[in-house]
Amino acid sequence: MYNLIRSELFKLRKDRSFRVLLLITAILSLAYPLLYYFDHKSSGEPQFTGAEFLIQFIASNAYLIKFGVAALAGFFIANEYATGVMKTIASSGNDRGRLFTAKLIGFSVGAMAISLVFPIVSTTEVSLLSGFGHLPEGFDASFIPRALGLTLLYTAGYAAIGALFTAVFTESGKTIGFSMIFFLMIDTILGGLGEYIPFFTTVYDYSIFKLMNDIGKPSIASGDLPALLLVPVLTIVVSALLGILVFRRKEIK
């Protein structure tokens, strides 16, 4: 298992699509704060400090995470079906459950790396332009490590769902297209169904899709913390088990 994971991490480092996604995310992370910097400068408004920018715009990172997971799932995993790599790996004699788990770990590491680019690069740039400043009243020193830690955890949850989609669709284009539509529309779909069937409201309230919005909260009540931590962990476990089940039964051509 250790060697399988090492192999996936090696492929991740060498994967061109992963590097391109990192580069695109870094460019967006540099351009996004500059728009606000020059806009505020021309209008005479006070500039955001690094701390203020991180707090105000960490929610925007969710869209980059969804895009990154969908794109990386299609190019890093699903593309192996088209190139024949997956067939070779599946016929190597290794247990398919271990193969899928190793791919999920490698894929999750790549997705988590992408998820940290925006908050780290943009906050660093804004801090260089106008200083880091200090966290506003109501925010304690644990906000930054907590926000970054939850970002990694929830990205892993999204990655587990994305890996499941690769096992279902196997084709790069279908995986990327369905993943993007699913991640962008699931909030609206569950919210709409919840108006007619209360059960879906409960499902949405305790899903990573809604709880991800709580990452940027100034503080988290002790009663809310268990759900905030357990939901993404359960999402990872359930999605991984379903992915393994599908992958084991899949006829790989």
C-alpha atoms as a PDB file:
ATOM      1  CA  MET A   1       0.000   0.000   0.000  1.00  0.00           C
ATOM      2  CA  TYR A   2       2.863   2.336   0.865  1.00  0.00           C
ATOM      3  CA  ASN A   3       4.432   1.807  -2.550  1.00  0.00           C
ATOM      4  CA  LEU A   4       1.102   2.426  -4.288  1.00  0.00           C
ATOM      5  CA  ILE A   5       0.693   5.741  -2.470  1.00  0.00           C
ATOM      6  CA  ARG A   6       4.288   6.730  -3.277  1.00  0.00           C
ATOM      7  CA  SER A   7       3.623   5.942  -6.926  1.00  0.00           C
ATOM      8  CA  GLU A   8       0.503   8.143  -6.985  1.00  0.00           C
ATOM      9  CA  LEU A   9       2.310  11.023  -5.287  1.00  0.00           C
ATOM     10  CA  PHE A  10       5.167  10.698  -7.783  1.00  0.00           C
ATOM     11  CA  LYS A  11       2.706  10.808 -10.686  1.00  0.00           C
ATOM     12  CA  LEU A  12       1.042  13.833  -9.099  1.00  0.00           C
ATOM     13  CA  ARG A  13       4.329  15.760  -8.971  1.00  0.00           C
ATOM     14  CA  LYS A  14       4.989  14.959 -12.613  1.00  0.00           C
ATOM     15  CA  ASP A  15       1.417  15.500 -13.810  1.00  0.00           C
ATOM     16  CA  ARG A  16       1.208  18.423 -16.244  1.00  0.00           C
ATOM     17  CA  SER A  17      -2.464  19.132 -15.541  1.00  0.00           C
ATOM     18  CA  PHE A  18      -1.725  19.470 -11.811  1.00  0.00           C
ATOM     19  CA  ARG A  19       1.050  21.956 -12.519  1.00  0.00           C
ATOM     20  CA  VAL A  20      -1.167  23.939 -14.893  1.00  0.00           C
ATOM     21  CA  LEU A  21      -3.972  24.073 -12.321  1.00  0.00           C
ATOM     22  CA  LEU A  22      -1.524  25.303  -9.685  1.00  0.00           C
ATOM     23  CA  LEU A  23      -0.271  27.974 -12.078  1.00  0.00           C
ATOM     24  CA  ILE A  24      -3.764  29.126 -13.077  1.00  0.00           C
ATOM     25  CA  THR A  25      -4.858  29.291  -9.436  1.00  0.00           C
ATOM     26  CA  ALA A  26      -1.708  31.237  -8.521  1.00  0.00           C
ATOM     27  CA  ILE A  27      -2.303  33.752 -11.338  1.00  0.00           C
ATOM     28  CA  LEU A  28      -5.920  34.247 -10.233  1.00  0.00           C
ATOM     29  CA  SER A  29      -4.741  34.600  -6.651  1.00  0.00           C
ATOM     30  CA  LEU A  30      -2.385  37.386  -7.702  1.00  0.00           C
ATOM     31  CA  ALA A  31      -4.839  39.159 -10.026  1.00  0.00           C
ATOM     32  CA  TYR A  32      -7.886  39.076  -7.741  1.00  0.00           C
ATOM     33  CA  PRO A  33      -6.422  41.240  -4.930  1.00  0.00           C
ATOM     34  CA  LEU A  34      -4.904  43.692  -7.440  1.00  0.00           C
ATOM     35  CA  LEU A  35      -8.372  44.518  -8.773  1.00  0.00           C
ATOM     36  CA  TYR A  36      -9.434  45.608  -5.308  1.00  0.00           C
ATOM     37  CA  TYR A  37      -6.133  47.344  -4.615  1.00  0.00           C
ATOM     38  CA  PHE A  38      -6.271  49.618  -7.676  1.00  0.00           C
ATOM     39  CA  ASP A  39     -10.029  50.160  -7.327  1.00  0.00           C
ATOM     40  CA  HIS A  40      -9.647  51.313  -3.729  1.00  0.00           C
ATOM     41  CA  LYS A  41      -6.608  53.399  -4.638  1.00  0.00           C
ATOM     42  CA  SER A  42      -8.437  55.237  -7.429  1.00  0.00           C
ATOM     43  CA  SER A  43     -11.497  55.876  -5.263  1.00  0.00           C
ATOM     44  CA  GLY A  44      -9.525  56.844  -2.161  1.00  0.00           C
ATOM     45  CA  GLU A  45     -11.004  54.055  -0.051  1.00  0.00           C
ATOM     46  CA  PRO A  46      -8.898  52.384   2.661  1.00  0.00           C
ATOM     47  CA  GLN A  47      -6.990  49.367   1.441  1.00  0.00           C
ATOM     48  CA  PHE A  48      -7.618  45.876   2.728  1.00  0.00           C
ATOM     49  CA  THR A  49      -4.919  44.542   5.007  1.00  0.00           C
ATOM     50  CA  GLY A  50      -3.817  40.937   4.598  1.00  0.00           C
ATOM     51  CA  ALA A  51      -5.904  39.800   7.569  1.00  0.00           C
ATOM     52  CA  GLU A  52      -9.004  41.641   6.375  1.00  0.00           C
ATOM     53  CA  PHE A  53      -8.667  40.230   2.869  1.00  0.00           C
ATOM     54  CA  LEU A  54      -8.370  36.673   4.174  1.00  0.00           C
ATOM     55  CA  ILE A  55     -11.509  37.094   6.270  1.00  0.00           C
ATOM     56  CA  GLN A  56     -13.575  38.832   3.584  1.00  0.00           C
ATOM     57  CA  PHE A  57     -12.712  36.600   0.651  1.00  0.00           C
ATOM     58  CA  ILE A  58     -11.962  33.158   2.033  1.00  0.00           C
ATOM     59  CA  ALA A  59     -15.476  32.149   0.936  1.00  0.00           C
ATOM     60  CA  SER A  60     -14.463  32.797  -2.672  1.00  0.00           C
ATOM     61  CA  ASN A  61     -11.939  29.993  -2.314  1.00  0.00           C
ATOM     62  CA  ALA A  62     -14.832  27.502  -2.388  1.00  0.00           C
ATOM     63  CA  TYR A  63     -15.328  28.113  -6.122  1.00  0.00           C
ATOM     64  CA  LEU A  64     -11.651  27.505  -6.844  1.00  0.00           C
ATOM     65  CA  ILE A  65     -11.788  24.305  -4.796  1.00  0.00           C
ATOM     66  CA  LYS A  66     -14.797  23.026  -6.753  1.00  0.00           C
ATOM     67  CA  PHE A  67     -13.166  23.894 -10.069  1.00  0.00           C
ATOM     68  CA  GLY A  68      -9.830  22.410  -9.013  1.00  0.00           C
ATOM     69  CA  VAL A  69     -11.350  19.134  -7.800  1.00  0.00           C
ATOM     70  CA  ALA A  70     -13.474  18.717 -10.940  1.00  0.00           C
ATOM     71  CA  ALA A  71     -10.607  19.482 -13.327  1.00  0.00           C
ATOM     72  CA  LEU A  72      -7.998  17.423 -11.471  1.00  0.00           C
ATOM     73  CA  ALA A  73     -10.380  14.458 -11.204  1.00  0.00           C
ATOM     74  CA  GLY A  74     -10.840  14.475 -14.962  1.00  0.00           C
ATOM     75  CA  PHE A  75      -7.206  14.945 -15.941  1.00  0.00           C
ATOM     76  CA  PHE A  76      -5.362  13.117 -13.167  1.00  0.00           C
ATOM     77  CA  ILE A  77      -7.596  10.049 -12.654  1.00  0.00           C
ATOM     78  CA  ALA A  78     -10.219   9.695 -15.396  1.00  0.00           C
ATOM     79  CA  ASN A  79      -7.680  10.366 -18.132  1.00  0.00           C
ATOM     80  CA  GLU A  80      -5.893   7.137 -17.151  1.00  0.00           C
ATOM     81  CA  TYR A  81      -8.865   5.140 -18.445  1.00  0.00           C
ATOM     82  CA  ALA A  82      -8.499   6.661 -21.922  1.00  0.00           C
ATOM     83  CA  THR A  83      -4.726   6.176 -22.070  1.00  0.00           C
ATOM     84  CA  GLY A  84      -4.909   2.539 -20.948  1.00  0.00           C
ATOM     85  CA  VAL A  85      -2.902   3.168 -17.786  1.00  0.00           C
ATOM     86  CA  MET A  86      -5.835   2.207 -15.566  1.00  0.00           C
ATOM     87  CA  LYS A  87      -6.266  -1.147 -17.336  1.00  0.00           C
ATOM     88  CA  THR A  88      -2.583  -1.923 -16.856  1.00  0.00           C
ATOM     89  CA  ILE A  89      -2.721  -0.990 -13.174  1.00  0.00           C
ATOM     90  CA  ALA A  90      -5.927  -2.949 -12.564  1.00  0.00           C
ATOM     91  CA  SER A  91      -4.420  -6.062 -14.131  1.00  0.00           C
ATOM     92  CA  SER A  92      -1.216  -5.819 -12.094  1.00  0.00           C
ATOM     93  CA  GLY A  93      -2.516  -8.157  -9.402  1.00  0.00           C
ATOM     94  CA  ASN A  94      -3.006  -5.504  -6.714  1.00  0.00           C
ATOM     95  CA  ASP A  95      -6.314  -5.375  -4.903  1.00  0.00           C
ATOM     96  CA  ARG A  96      -8.607  -2.845  -6.573  1.00  0.00           C
ATOM     97  CA  GLY A  97      -9.652  -1.452  -3.223  1.00  0.00           C
ATOM     98  CA  ARG A  98      -6.035  -0.574  -2.438  1.00  0.00           C
ATOM     99  CA  LEU A  99      -5.522   0.859  -5.904  1.00  0.00           C
ATOM    100  CA  PHE A 100      -8.523   3.162  -5.571  1.00  0.00           C
ATOM    101  CA  THR A 101      -7.532   4.192  -2.044  1.00  0.00           C
ATOM    102  CA  ALA A 102      -4.001   5.063  -3.181  1.00  0.00           C
ATOM    103  CA  LYS A 103      -5.370   7.110  -6.082  1.00  0.00           C
ATOM    104  CA  LEU A 104      -7.796   8.869  -3.754  1.00  0.00           C
ATOM    105  CA  ILE A 105      -4.951   9.793  -1.388  1.00  0.00           C
ATOM    106  CA  GLY A 106      -2.754  11.111  -4.206  1.00  0.00           C
ATOM    107  CA  PHE A 107      -5.667  12.978  -5.736  1.00  0.00           C
ATOM    108  CA  SER A 108      -6.690  14.462  -2.374  1.00  0.00           C
ATOM    109  CA  VAL A 109      -3.154  15.704  -1.724  1.00  0.00           C
ATOM    110  CA  GLY A 110      -3.190  17.467  -5.101  1.00  0.00           C
ATOM    111  CA  ALA A 111      -6.612  19.006  -4.481  1.00  0.00           C
ATOM    112  CA  MET A 112      -5.583  20.184  -1.008  1.00  0.00           C
ATOM    113  CA  ALA A 113      -2.437  21.784  -2.406  1.00  0.00           C
ATOM    114  CA  ILE A 114      -4.568  23.709  -4.908  1.00  0.00           C
ATOM    115  CA  SER A 115      -7.020  24.743  -2.165  1.00  0.00           C
ATOM    116  CA  LEU A 116      -4.266  26.538  -0.211  1.00  0.00           C
ATOM    117  CA  VAL A 117      -2.924  28.561  -3.131  1.00  0.00           C
ATOM    118  CA  PHE A 118      -5.594  31.285  -3.076  1.00  0.00           C
ATOM    119  CA  PRO A 119      -5.614  32.056   0.690  1.00  0.00           C
ATOM    120  CA  ILE A 120      -1.822  31.911   1.009  1.00  0.00           C
ATOM    121  CA  VAL A 121      -0.782  33.686  -2.210  1.00  0.00           C
ATOM    122  CA  SER A 122      -3.482  36.385  -2.122  1.00  0.00           C
ATOM    123  CA  THR A 123      -3.031  37.118   1.586  1.00  0.00           C
ATOM    124  CA  THR A 124       0.750  37.334   1.130  1.00  0.00           C
ATOM    125  CA  GLU A 125       0.367  39.721  -1.809  1.00  0.00           C
ATOM    126  CA  VAL A 126      -2.073  41.991   0.033  1.00  0.00           C
ATOM    127  CA  SER A 127       0.183  41.959   3.095  1.00  0.00           C
ATOM    128  CA  LEU A 128       3.112  43.116   0.938  1.00  0.00           C
ATOM    129  CA  LEU A 129       0.999  45.899  -0.575  1.00  0.00           C
ATOM    130  CA  SER A 130      -0.686  47.250   2.548  1.00  0.00           C
ATOM    131  CA  GLY A 131       0.550  45.233   5.504  1.00  0.00           C
ATOM    132  CA  PHE A 132      -0.956  42.257   7.272  1.00  0.00           C
ATOM    133  CA  GLY A 133      -2.681  44.320   9.962  1.00  0.00           C
ATOM    134  CA  HIS A 134      -4.515  42.502  12.717  1.00  0.00           C
ATOM    135  CA  LEU A 135      -7.628  40.406  13.013  1.00  0.00           C
ATOM    136  CA  PRO A 136     -10.803  42.441  13.719  1.00  0.00           C
ATOM    137  CA  GLU A 137     -12.558  42.292  17.057  1.00  0.00           C
ATOM    138  CA  GLY A 138     -14.348  38.992  17.534  1.00  0.00           C
ATOM    139  CA  PHE A 139     -11.664  36.995  15.734  1.00  0.00           C
ATOM    140  CA  ASP A 140      -9.105  35.166  17.849  1.00  0.00           C
ATOM    141  CA  ALA A 141      -5.620  34.017  16.876  1.00  0.00           C
ATOM    142  CA  SER A 142      -6.884  30.505  16.153  1.00  0.00           C
ATOM    143  CA  PHE A 143      -8.955  31.741  13.190  1.00  0.00           C
ATOM    144  CA  ILE A 144      -6.207  31.422  10.572  1.00  0.00           C
ATOM    145  CA  PRO A 145      -4.998  27.873  11.404  1.00  0.00           C
ATOM    146  CA  ARG A 146      -8.623  26.793  11.933  1.00  0.00           C
ATOM    147  CA  ALA A 147      -9.745  28.223   8.590  1.00  0.00           C
ATOM    148  CA  LEU A 148      -6.812  26.670   6.722  1.00  0.00           C
ATOM    149  CA  GLY A 149      -7.241  23.331   8.496  1.00  0.00           C
ATOM    150  CA  LEU A 150     -10.959  23.167   7.699  1.00  0.00           C
ATOM    151  CA  THR A 151     -10.197  24.173   4.112  1.00  0.00           C
ATOM    152  CA  LEU A 152      -7.940  21.130   3.783  1.00  0.00           C
ATOM    153  CA  LEU A 153     -10.481  18.828   5.435  1.00  0.00           C
ATOM    154  CA  TYR A 154     -13.406  19.971   3.296  1.00  0.00           C
ATOM    155  CA  THR A 155     -11.309  19.864   0.150  1.00  0.00           C
ATOM    156  CA  ALA A 156     -10.552  16.218   0.938  1.00  0.00           C
ATOM    157  CA  GLY A 157     -14.313  15.673   1.233  1.00  0.00           C
ATOM    158  CA  TYR A 158     -14.911  17.196  -2.192  1.00  0.00           C
ATOM    159  CA  ALA A 159     -11.991  15.172  -3.574  1.00  0.00           C
ATOM    160  CA  ALA A 160     -13.554  11.929  -2.310  1.00  0.00           C
ATOM    161  CA  ILE A 161     -16.778  12.776  -4.153  1.00  0.00           C
ATOM    162  CA  GLY A 162     -14.796  13.693  -7.274  1.00  0.00           C
ATOM    163  CA  ALA A 163     -12.904  10.379  -7.130  1.00  0.00           C
ATOM    164  CA  LEU A 164     -16.229   8.546  -6.918  1.00  0.00           C
ATOM    165  CA  PHE A 165     -17.374  10.310 -10.088  1.00  0.00           C
ATOM    166  CA  THR A 166     -14.224   9.162 -11.908  1.00  0.00           C
ATOM    167  CA  ALA A 167     -15.046   5.554 -11.081  1.00  0.00           C
ATOM    168  CA  VAL A 168     -18.598   6.009 -12.368  1.00  0.00           C
ATOM    169  CA  PHE A 169     -17.911   7.912 -15.611  1.00  0.00           C
ATOM    170  CA  THR A 170     -14.267   6.912 -16.378  1.00  0.00           C
ATOM    171  CA  GLU A 171     -14.093   9.498 -19.192  1.00  0.00           C
ATOM    172  CA  SER A 172     -12.273  12.787 -18.578  1.00  0.00           C
ATOM    173  CA  GLY A 173     -14.832  15.062 -20.236  1.00  0.00           C
ATOM    174  CA  LYS A 174     -17.847  13.457 -18.575  1.00  0.00           C
ATOM    175  CA  THR A 175     -16.148  13.531 -15.168  1.00  0.00           C
ATOM    176  CA  ILE A 176     -15.219  17.210 -15.400  1.00  0.00           C
ATOM    177  CA  GLY A 177     -18.594  18.250 -16.815  1.00  0.00           C
ATOM    178  CA  PHE A 178     -20.722  16.327 -14.332  1.00  0.00           C
ATOM    179  CA  SER A 179     -18.519  17.281 -11.363  1.00  0.00           C
ATOM    180  CA  MET A 180     -18.719  20.991 -12.204  1.00  0.00           C
ATOM    181  CA  ILE A 181     -22.493  20.897 -12.670  1.00  0.00           C
ATOM    182  CA  PHE A 182     -22.964  18.842  -9.512  1.00  0.00           C
ATOM    183  CA  PHE A 183     -20.771  21.037  -7.295  1.00  0.00           C
ATOM    184  CA  LEU A 184     -22.297  24.288  -8.597  1.00  0.00           C
ATOM    185  CA  MET A 185     -25.938  23.150  -8.584  1.00  0.00           C
ATOM    186  CA  ILE A 186     -26.204  20.859  -5.554  1.00  0.00           C
ATOM    187  CA  ASP A 187     -26.894  23.754  -3.145  1.00  0.00           C
ATOM    188  CA  THR A 188     -29.761  25.013  -5.300  1.00  0.00           C
ATOM    189  CA  ILE A 189     -31.152  21.510  -5.854  1.00  0.00           C
ATOM    190  CA  LEU A 190     -31.151  20.500  -2.191  1.00  0.00           C
ATOM    191  CA  GLY A 191     -32.435  23.907  -1.143  1.00  0.00           C
ATOM    192  CA  GLY A 192     -35.297  23.701  -3.653  1.00  0.00           C
ATOM    193  CA  LEU A 193     -36.237  20.149  -2.690  1.00  0.00           C
ATOM    194  CA  GLY A 194     -36.150  21.162   0.963  1.00  0.00           C
ATOM    195  CA  GLU A 195     -39.042  23.577   0.392  1.00  0.00           C
ATOM    196  CA  TYR A 196     -41.283  20.630  -0.427  1.00  0.00           C
ATOM    197  CA  ILE A 197     -39.668  17.767   1.475  1.00  0.00           C
ATOM    198  CA  PRO A 198     -38.207  18.779   4.879  1.00  0.00           C
ATOM    199  CA  PHE A 199     -35.891  15.748   4.859  1.00  0.00           C
ATOM    200  CA  PHE A 200     -33.754  17.357   2.157  1.00  0.00           C
ATOM    201  CA  THR A 201     -33.372  20.478   4.290  1.00  0.00           C
ATOM    202  CA  THR A 202     -31.876  18.333   7.045  1.00  0.00           C
ATOM    203  CA  VAL A 203     -29.616  16.585   4.532  1.00  0.00           C
ATOM    204  CA  TYR A 204     -28.404  19.935   3.206  1.00  0.00           C
ATOM    205  CA  ASP A 205     -27.884  21.400   6.681  1.00  0.00           C
ATOM    206  CA  TYR A 206     -25.558  18.517   7.558  1.00  0.00           C
ATOM    207  CA  SER A 207     -23.703  18.287   4.260  1.00  0.00           C
ATOM    208  CA  ILE A 208     -20.253  19.551   3.328  1.00  0.00           C
ATOM    209  CA  PHE A 209     -21.914  21.752   0.707  1.00  0.00           C
ATOM    210  CA  LYS A 210     -23.503  23.997   3.341  1.00  0.00           C
ATOM    211  CA  LEU A 211     -21.077  23.556   6.219  1.00  0.00           C
ATOM    212  CA  MET A 212     -18.205  24.678   4.007  1.00  0.00           C
ATOM    213  CA  ASN A 213     -19.663  28.182   4.301  1.00  0.00           C
ATOM    214  CA  ASP A 214     -18.916  28.094   8.043  1.00  0.00           C
ATOM    215  CA  ILE A 215     -15.149  27.959   7.503  1.00  0.00           C
ATOM    216  CA  GLY A 216     -14.914  31.763   7.528  1.00  0.00           C
ATOM    217  CA  LYS A 217     -16.980  32.297  10.683  1.00  0.00           C
ATOM    218  CA  PRO A 218     -15.289  34.479  13.360  1.00  0.00           C
ATOM    219  CA  SER A 219     -15.885  31.803  15.960  1.00  0.00           C
ATOM    220  CA  ILE A 220     -17.457  28.372  16.112  1.00  0.00           C
ATOM    221  CA  ALA A 221     -19.592  27.291  19.045  1.00  0.00           C
ATOM    222  CA  SER A 222     -18.443  24.139  20.802  1.00  0.00           C
ATOM    223  CA  GLY A 223     -21.768  22.506  19.966  1.00  0.00           C
ATOM    224  CA  ASP A 224     -21.269  23.104  16.234  1.00  0.00           C
ATOM    225  CA  LEU A 225     -17.697  21.835  16.091  1.00  0.00           C
ATOM    226  CA  PRO A 226     -18.457  18.070  16.113  1.00  0.00           C
ATOM    227  CA  ALA A 227     -20.699  18.331  13.044  1.00  0.00           C
ATOM    228  CA  LEU A 228     -18.211  20.624  11.315  1.00  0.00           C
ATOM    229  CA  LEU A 229     -15.500  17.980  11.732  1.00  0.00           C
ATOM    230  CA  LEU A 230     -17.478  14.749  11.434  1.00  0.00           C
ATOM    231  CA  VAL A 231     -19.455  15.599   8.277  1.00  0.00           C
ATOM    232  CA  PRO A 232     -16.419  15.870   5.958  1.00  0.00           C
ATOM    233  CA  VAL A 233     -14.820  12.799   7.563  1.00  0.00           C
ATOM    234  CA  LEU A 234     -17.989  10.751   7.001  1.00  0.00           C
ATOM    235  CA  THR A 235     -18.223  12.145   3.458  1.00  0.00           C
ATOM    236  CA  ILE A 236     -14.690  10.921   2.768  1.00  0.00           C
ATOM    237  CA  VAL A 237     -15.363   7.470   4.233  1.00  0.00           C
ATOM    238  CA  VAL A 238     -18.722   6.926   2.500  1.00  0.00           C
ATOM    239  CA  SER A 239     -17.532   8.277  -0.868  1.00  0.00           C
ATOM    240  CA  ALA A 240     -14.340   6.194  -0.670  1.00  0.00           C
ATOM    241  CA  LEU A 241     -16.288   3.005   0.114  1.00  0.00           C
ATOM    242  CA  LEU A 242     -18.727   3.654  -2.734  1.00  0.00           C
ATOM    243  CA  GLY A 243     -15.817   4.428  -5.061  1.00  0.00           C
ATOM    244  CA  ILE A 244     -14.082   1.169  -4.126  1.00  0.00           C
ATOM    245  CA  LEU A 245     -17.333  -0.763  -4.687  1.00  0.00           C
ATOM    246  CA  VAL A 246     -17.824   0.771  -8.138  1.00  0.00           C
ATOM    247  CA  PHE A 247     -14.172   0.388  -9.088  1.00  0.00           C
ATOM    248  CA  ARG A 248     -14.113  -3.288  -8.119  1.00  0.00           C
ATOM    249  CA  ARG A 249     -17.127  -4.040 -10.296  1.00  0.00           C
ATOM    250  CA  LYS A 250     -16.069  -1.841 -13.193  1.00  0.00           C
ATOM    251  CA  GLU A 251     -15.060  -3.461 -16.443  1.00  0.00           C
ATOM    252  CA  ILE A 252     -11.989  -1.498 -17.448  1.00  0.00           C
ATOM    253  CA  LYS A 253     -11.363  -1.427 -21.190  1.00  0.00           C
END
